[in-house]
């Protein structure tokens, strides 16, 4: 059961949210707005009609679910590596 009182206890938050996920969630809207503004300032709207030829997703831990979403949405990747990241010698 979720105890809302923990949200008012900075020590409990620090102890329970070691990766600052709550802060990231709370600032997500602002991050999106800044990204949209930066993309507009960089003139990326000129690329609106283009489709990417490739997408690279690198994530660790719980964030790796993003890669799973791409696989599900885009009919699977051309290449997928799970587990340890390949080293430079893996490609020689």
N, C-alpha and C. Protein backbone atom coordinates (compact mmCIF):
# COMPACT_ATOMS: atom_id res chain seq x y z
N UNK A 1 0.84 -1.18 0.00
CA UNK A 1 0.00 0.00 0.00
C UNK A 1 0.89 1.25 0.00
N UNK A 2 0.50 2.22 -0.76
CA UNK A 2 1.27 3.45 -0.89
C UNK A 2 0.96 4.38 0.28
N UNK A 3 1.99 4.86 0.93
CA UNK A 3 1.83 5.78 2.07
C UNK A 3 2.17 7.19 1.60
N UNK A 4 1.15 8.02 1.37
CA UNK A 4 1.35 9.38 0.86
C UNK A 4 2.20 10.24 1.79
N UNK A 5 2.25 9.92 3.06
CA UNK A 5 3.04 10.70 4.01
C UNK A 5 4.52 10.68 3.64
N UNK A 6 4.95 9.64 2.94
CA UNK A 6 6.36 9.56 2.53
C UNK A 6 6.74 10.68 1.57
N UNK A 7 5.77 11.18 0.83
CA UNK A 7 6.05 12.27 -0.11
C UNK A 7 6.44 13.56 0.61
N UNK A 8 6.02 13.69 1.86
CA UNK A 8 6.35 14.88 2.65
C UNK A 8 7.59 14.68 3.51
N UNK A 9 8.20 13.52 3.42
CA UNK A 9 9.36 13.19 4.25
C UNK A 9 10.60 13.11 3.36
N UNK A 10 11.41 14.18 3.30
CA UNK A 10 12.59 14.19 2.42
C UNK A 10 13.54 13.03 2.68
N UNK A 11 13.71 12.64 3.94
CA UNK A 11 14.61 11.52 4.24
C UNK A 11 14.08 10.21 3.67
N UNK A 12 12.77 10.01 3.78
CA UNK A 12 12.16 8.79 3.22
C UNK A 12 12.28 8.79 1.70
N UNK A 13 12.05 9.94 1.08
CA UNK A 13 12.17 10.01 -0.38
C UNK A 13 13.58 9.70 -0.84
N UNK A 14 14.55 10.26 -0.15
CA UNK A 14 15.95 10.02 -0.52
C UNK A 14 16.30 8.54 -0.36
N UNK A 15 15.80 7.92 0.69
CA UNK A 15 16.09 6.52 0.97
C UNK A 15 15.39 5.59 -0.02
N UNK A 16 14.14 5.92 -0.39
CA UNK A 16 13.34 5.03 -1.23
C UNK A 16 13.53 5.27 -2.73
N UNK A 17 13.89 6.48 -3.12
CA UNK A 17 14.00 6.83 -4.53
C UNK A 17 15.45 7.17 -4.85
N UNK A 18 16.30 6.17 -4.79
CA UNK A 18 17.74 6.39 -4.94
C UNK A 18 18.13 6.85 -6.34
N UNK A 19 17.30 6.59 -7.33
CA UNK A 19 17.61 7.00 -8.70
C UNK A 19 16.86 8.27 -9.10
N UNK A 20 16.20 8.91 -8.15
CA UNK A 20 15.46 10.15 -8.37
C UNK A 20 14.43 10.04 -9.48
N UNK A 21 13.74 8.90 -9.53
CA UNK A 21 12.70 8.70 -10.53
C UNK A 21 11.54 9.65 -10.31
N UNK A 22 11.20 9.93 -9.06
CA UNK A 22 10.10 10.85 -8.78
C UNK A 22 10.41 12.25 -9.31
N UNK A 23 11.63 12.71 -9.12
CA UNK A 23 12.04 14.02 -9.63
C UNK A 23 11.97 14.04 -11.17
N UNK A 24 12.45 12.97 -11.79
CA UNK A 24 12.41 12.88 -13.25
C UNK A 24 10.97 12.91 -13.75
N UNK A 25 10.10 12.19 -13.07
CA UNK A 25 8.69 12.18 -13.46
C UNK A 25 8.07 13.56 -13.26
N UNK A 26 8.39 14.20 -12.16
CA UNK A 26 7.82 15.52 -11.86
C UNK A 26 8.28 16.58 -12.86
N UNK A 27 9.45 16.40 -13.43
CA UNK A 27 9.98 17.41 -14.37
C UNK A 27 9.83 16.98 -15.83
N UNK A 28 9.16 15.87 -16.09
CA UNK A 28 9.05 15.34 -17.45
C UNK A 28 8.40 16.34 -18.40
N UNK A 29 7.33 17.00 -17.97
CA UNK A 29 6.66 17.97 -18.83
C UNK A 29 7.58 19.09 -19.25
N UNK A 30 8.35 19.59 -18.29
CA UNK A 30 9.30 20.66 -18.58
C UNK A 30 10.39 20.18 -19.54
N UNK A 31 10.84 18.95 -19.36
CA UNK A 31 11.86 18.40 -20.25
C UNK A 31 11.35 18.30 -21.68
N UNK A 32 10.10 17.89 -21.84
CA UNK A 32 9.52 17.79 -23.17
C UNK A 32 9.40 19.18 -23.80
N UNK A 33 8.91 20.15 -23.03
CA UNK A 33 8.77 21.52 -23.56
C UNK A 33 10.12 22.09 -23.99
N UNK A 34 11.17 21.87 -23.17
CA UNK A 34 12.51 22.35 -23.54
C UNK A 34 13.01 21.66 -24.80
N UNK A 35 12.74 20.36 -24.93
CA UNK A 35 13.18 19.62 -26.11
C UNK A 35 12.47 20.11 -27.37
N UNK A 36 11.18 20.37 -27.26
CA UNK A 36 10.42 20.89 -28.41
C UNK A 36 10.95 22.26 -28.82
N UNK A 37 11.20 23.10 -27.82
CA UNK A 37 11.73 24.45 -28.12
C UNK A 37 13.12 24.35 -28.76
N UNK A 38 13.97 23.49 -28.23
CA UNK A 38 15.32 23.34 -28.79
C UNK A 38 15.27 22.80 -30.22
N UNK A 39 14.37 21.86 -30.48
CA UNK A 39 14.23 21.32 -31.84
C UNK A 39 13.77 22.40 -32.81
N UNK A 40 12.83 23.24 -32.35
CA UNK A 40 12.34 24.33 -33.21
C UNK A 40 13.46 25.33 -33.49
N UNK A 41 14.23 25.67 -32.45
CA UNK A 41 15.33 26.62 -32.63
C UNK A 41 16.41 26.08 -33.56
N UNK A 42 16.58 24.74 -33.55
CA UNK A 42 17.60 24.12 -34.41
C UNK A 42 17.10 23.93 -35.84
N UNK A 43 15.83 24.25 -36.08
CA UNK A 43 15.28 24.11 -37.43
C UNK A 43 14.96 22.68 -37.82
N UNK A 44 14.73 21.83 -36.84
CA UNK A 44 14.47 20.43 -37.15
C UNK A 44 13.12 20.20 -37.81
N UNK A 45 12.26 21.20 -37.84
CA UNK A 45 10.97 21.04 -38.50
C UNK A 45 11.14 20.77 -40.00
N UNK A 46 12.27 21.15 -40.57
CA UNK A 46 12.52 20.89 -41.99
C UNK A 46 12.68 19.40 -42.26
N UNK A 47 12.87 18.60 -41.23
CA UNK A 47 13.01 17.15 -41.38
C UNK A 47 11.70 16.41 -41.17
N UNK A 48 10.60 17.13 -41.00
CA UNK A 48 9.31 16.52 -40.63
C UNK A 48 8.83 15.48 -41.63
N UNK A 49 9.14 15.65 -42.91
CA UNK A 49 8.65 14.71 -43.92
C UNK A 49 9.57 13.52 -44.15
N UNK A 50 10.69 13.49 -43.48
CA UNK A 50 11.65 12.40 -43.65
C UNK A 50 11.41 11.30 -42.63
N UNK A 51 11.65 10.07 -43.06
CA UNK A 51 11.59 8.94 -42.13
C UNK A 51 13.03 8.52 -41.82
N UNK A 52 13.31 8.23 -40.55
CA UNK A 52 14.68 7.81 -40.21
C UNK A 52 14.98 6.45 -40.83
N UNK A 53 16.22 6.28 -41.25
CA UNK A 53 16.65 4.98 -41.77
C UNK A 53 17.06 4.05 -40.65
N UNK A 54 17.35 4.62 -39.51
CA UNK A 54 17.76 3.80 -38.38
C UNK A 54 17.54 4.52 -37.07
N UNK A 55 17.36 3.75 -36.04
CA UNK A 55 17.21 4.28 -34.69
C UNK A 55 18.08 3.45 -33.78
N UNK A 56 18.87 4.10 -32.97
CA UNK A 56 19.71 3.40 -32.01
C UNK A 56 19.18 3.72 -30.61
N UNK A 57 18.89 2.69 -29.86
CA UNK A 57 18.41 2.86 -28.49
C UNK A 57 19.39 2.15 -27.57
N UNK A 58 19.94 2.90 -26.64
CA UNK A 58 20.85 2.32 -25.65
C UNK A 58 20.27 2.64 -24.28
N UNK A 59 20.01 1.61 -23.51
CA UNK A 59 19.42 1.81 -22.20
C UNK A 59 19.87 0.70 -21.26
N UNK A 60 19.80 1.00 -19.98
CA UNK A 60 20.24 0.05 -18.97
C UNK A 60 19.13 -0.09 -17.93
N UNK A 61 19.00 -1.28 -17.40
CA UNK A 61 18.05 -1.50 -16.32
C UNK A 61 16.61 -1.29 -16.75
N UNK A 62 15.83 -0.64 -15.90
CA UNK A 62 14.42 -0.40 -16.18
C UNK A 62 14.19 0.44 -17.41
N UNK A 63 15.16 1.27 -17.76
CA UNK A 63 15.02 2.12 -18.95
C UNK A 63 15.06 1.31 -20.23
N UNK A 64 15.53 0.08 -20.17
CA UNK A 64 15.65 -0.75 -21.36
C UNK A 64 14.30 -1.09 -21.97
N UNK A 65 13.22 -0.84 -21.25
CA UNK A 65 11.89 -1.09 -21.78
C UNK A 65 11.64 -0.25 -23.03
N UNK A 66 12.34 0.87 -23.17
CA UNK A 66 12.21 1.70 -24.36
C UNK A 66 12.57 0.89 -25.60
N UNK A 67 13.62 0.11 -25.53
CA UNK A 67 14.00 -0.74 -26.65
C UNK A 67 12.93 -1.75 -26.97
N UNK A 68 12.31 -2.32 -25.96
CA UNK A 68 11.21 -3.27 -26.17
C UNK A 68 10.05 -2.60 -26.89
N UNK A 69 9.76 -1.34 -26.54
CA UNK A 69 8.67 -0.62 -27.19
C UNK A 69 8.96 -0.39 -28.67
N UNK A 70 10.21 -0.04 -29.00
CA UNK A 70 10.59 0.14 -30.40
C UNK A 70 10.43 -1.17 -31.17
N UNK A 71 10.87 -2.27 -30.57
CA UNK A 71 10.76 -3.57 -31.24
C UNK A 71 9.30 -3.88 -31.51
N UNK A 72 8.44 -3.66 -30.53
CA UNK A 72 7.02 -3.97 -30.69
C UNK A 72 6.36 -3.06 -31.72
N UNK A 73 6.72 -1.80 -31.74
CA UNK A 73 6.06 -0.82 -32.60
C UNK A 73 6.57 -0.86 -34.03
N UNK A 74 7.82 -1.19 -34.23
CA UNK A 74 8.44 -1.06 -35.55
C UNK A 74 8.68 -2.40 -36.24
N UNK A 75 7.94 -3.41 -35.90
CA UNK A 75 8.05 -4.73 -36.52
C UNK A 75 9.43 -5.36 -36.33
N UNK A 76 10.07 -5.04 -35.24
CA UNK A 76 11.34 -5.68 -34.93
C UNK A 76 12.53 -4.96 -35.50
N UNK A 77 13.65 -5.05 -34.84
CA UNK A 77 14.87 -4.36 -35.27
C UNK A 77 15.66 -5.18 -36.29
N UNK A 78 16.52 -4.51 -37.00
CA UNK A 78 17.46 -5.19 -37.88
C UNK A 78 18.51 -5.93 -37.04
N UNK A 79 18.90 -5.31 -35.95
CA UNK A 79 19.91 -5.90 -35.07
C UNK A 79 19.54 -5.55 -33.64
N UNK A 80 19.62 -6.52 -32.79
CA UNK A 80 19.28 -6.26 -31.39
C UNK A 80 20.31 -6.95 -30.51
N UNK A 81 20.79 -6.24 -29.57
CA UNK A 81 21.77 -6.80 -28.65
C UNK A 81 21.23 -6.63 -27.24
N UNK A 82 21.03 -7.72 -26.54
CA UNK A 82 20.61 -7.64 -25.15
C UNK A 82 21.74 -8.16 -24.29
N UNK A 83 21.78 -7.68 -23.07
CA UNK A 83 22.84 -8.11 -22.16
C UNK A 83 23.97 -7.11 -22.16
N UNK A 84 25.18 -7.61 -22.10
CA UNK A 84 26.35 -6.73 -22.10
C UNK A 84 26.50 -6.02 -23.43
N UNK A 85 26.94 -4.79 -23.35
CA UNK A 85 27.19 -4.02 -24.57
C UNK A 85 28.39 -4.65 -25.29
N UNK A 86 28.33 -4.71 -26.62
CA UNK A 86 29.48 -5.24 -27.36
C UNK A 86 30.68 -4.32 -27.18
N UNK A 87 31.84 -4.89 -27.18
CA UNK A 87 33.07 -4.09 -27.07
C UNK A 87 33.58 -3.81 -28.49
N UNK A 88 34.52 -2.92 -28.56
CA UNK A 88 35.10 -2.55 -29.86
C UNK A 88 35.67 -3.79 -30.54
N UNK A 89 36.28 -4.71 -29.80
CA UNK A 89 36.87 -5.89 -30.40
C UNK A 89 35.80 -6.85 -30.95
N UNK A 90 34.54 -6.69 -30.53
CA UNK A 90 33.48 -7.55 -31.04
C UNK A 90 33.24 -7.33 -32.53
N UNK A 91 33.62 -6.17 -33.05
CA UNK A 91 33.32 -5.80 -34.43
C UNK A 91 34.52 -5.95 -35.35
N UNK A 92 35.66 -6.39 -34.83
CA UNK A 92 36.84 -6.48 -35.70
C UNK A 92 37.00 -7.87 -36.24
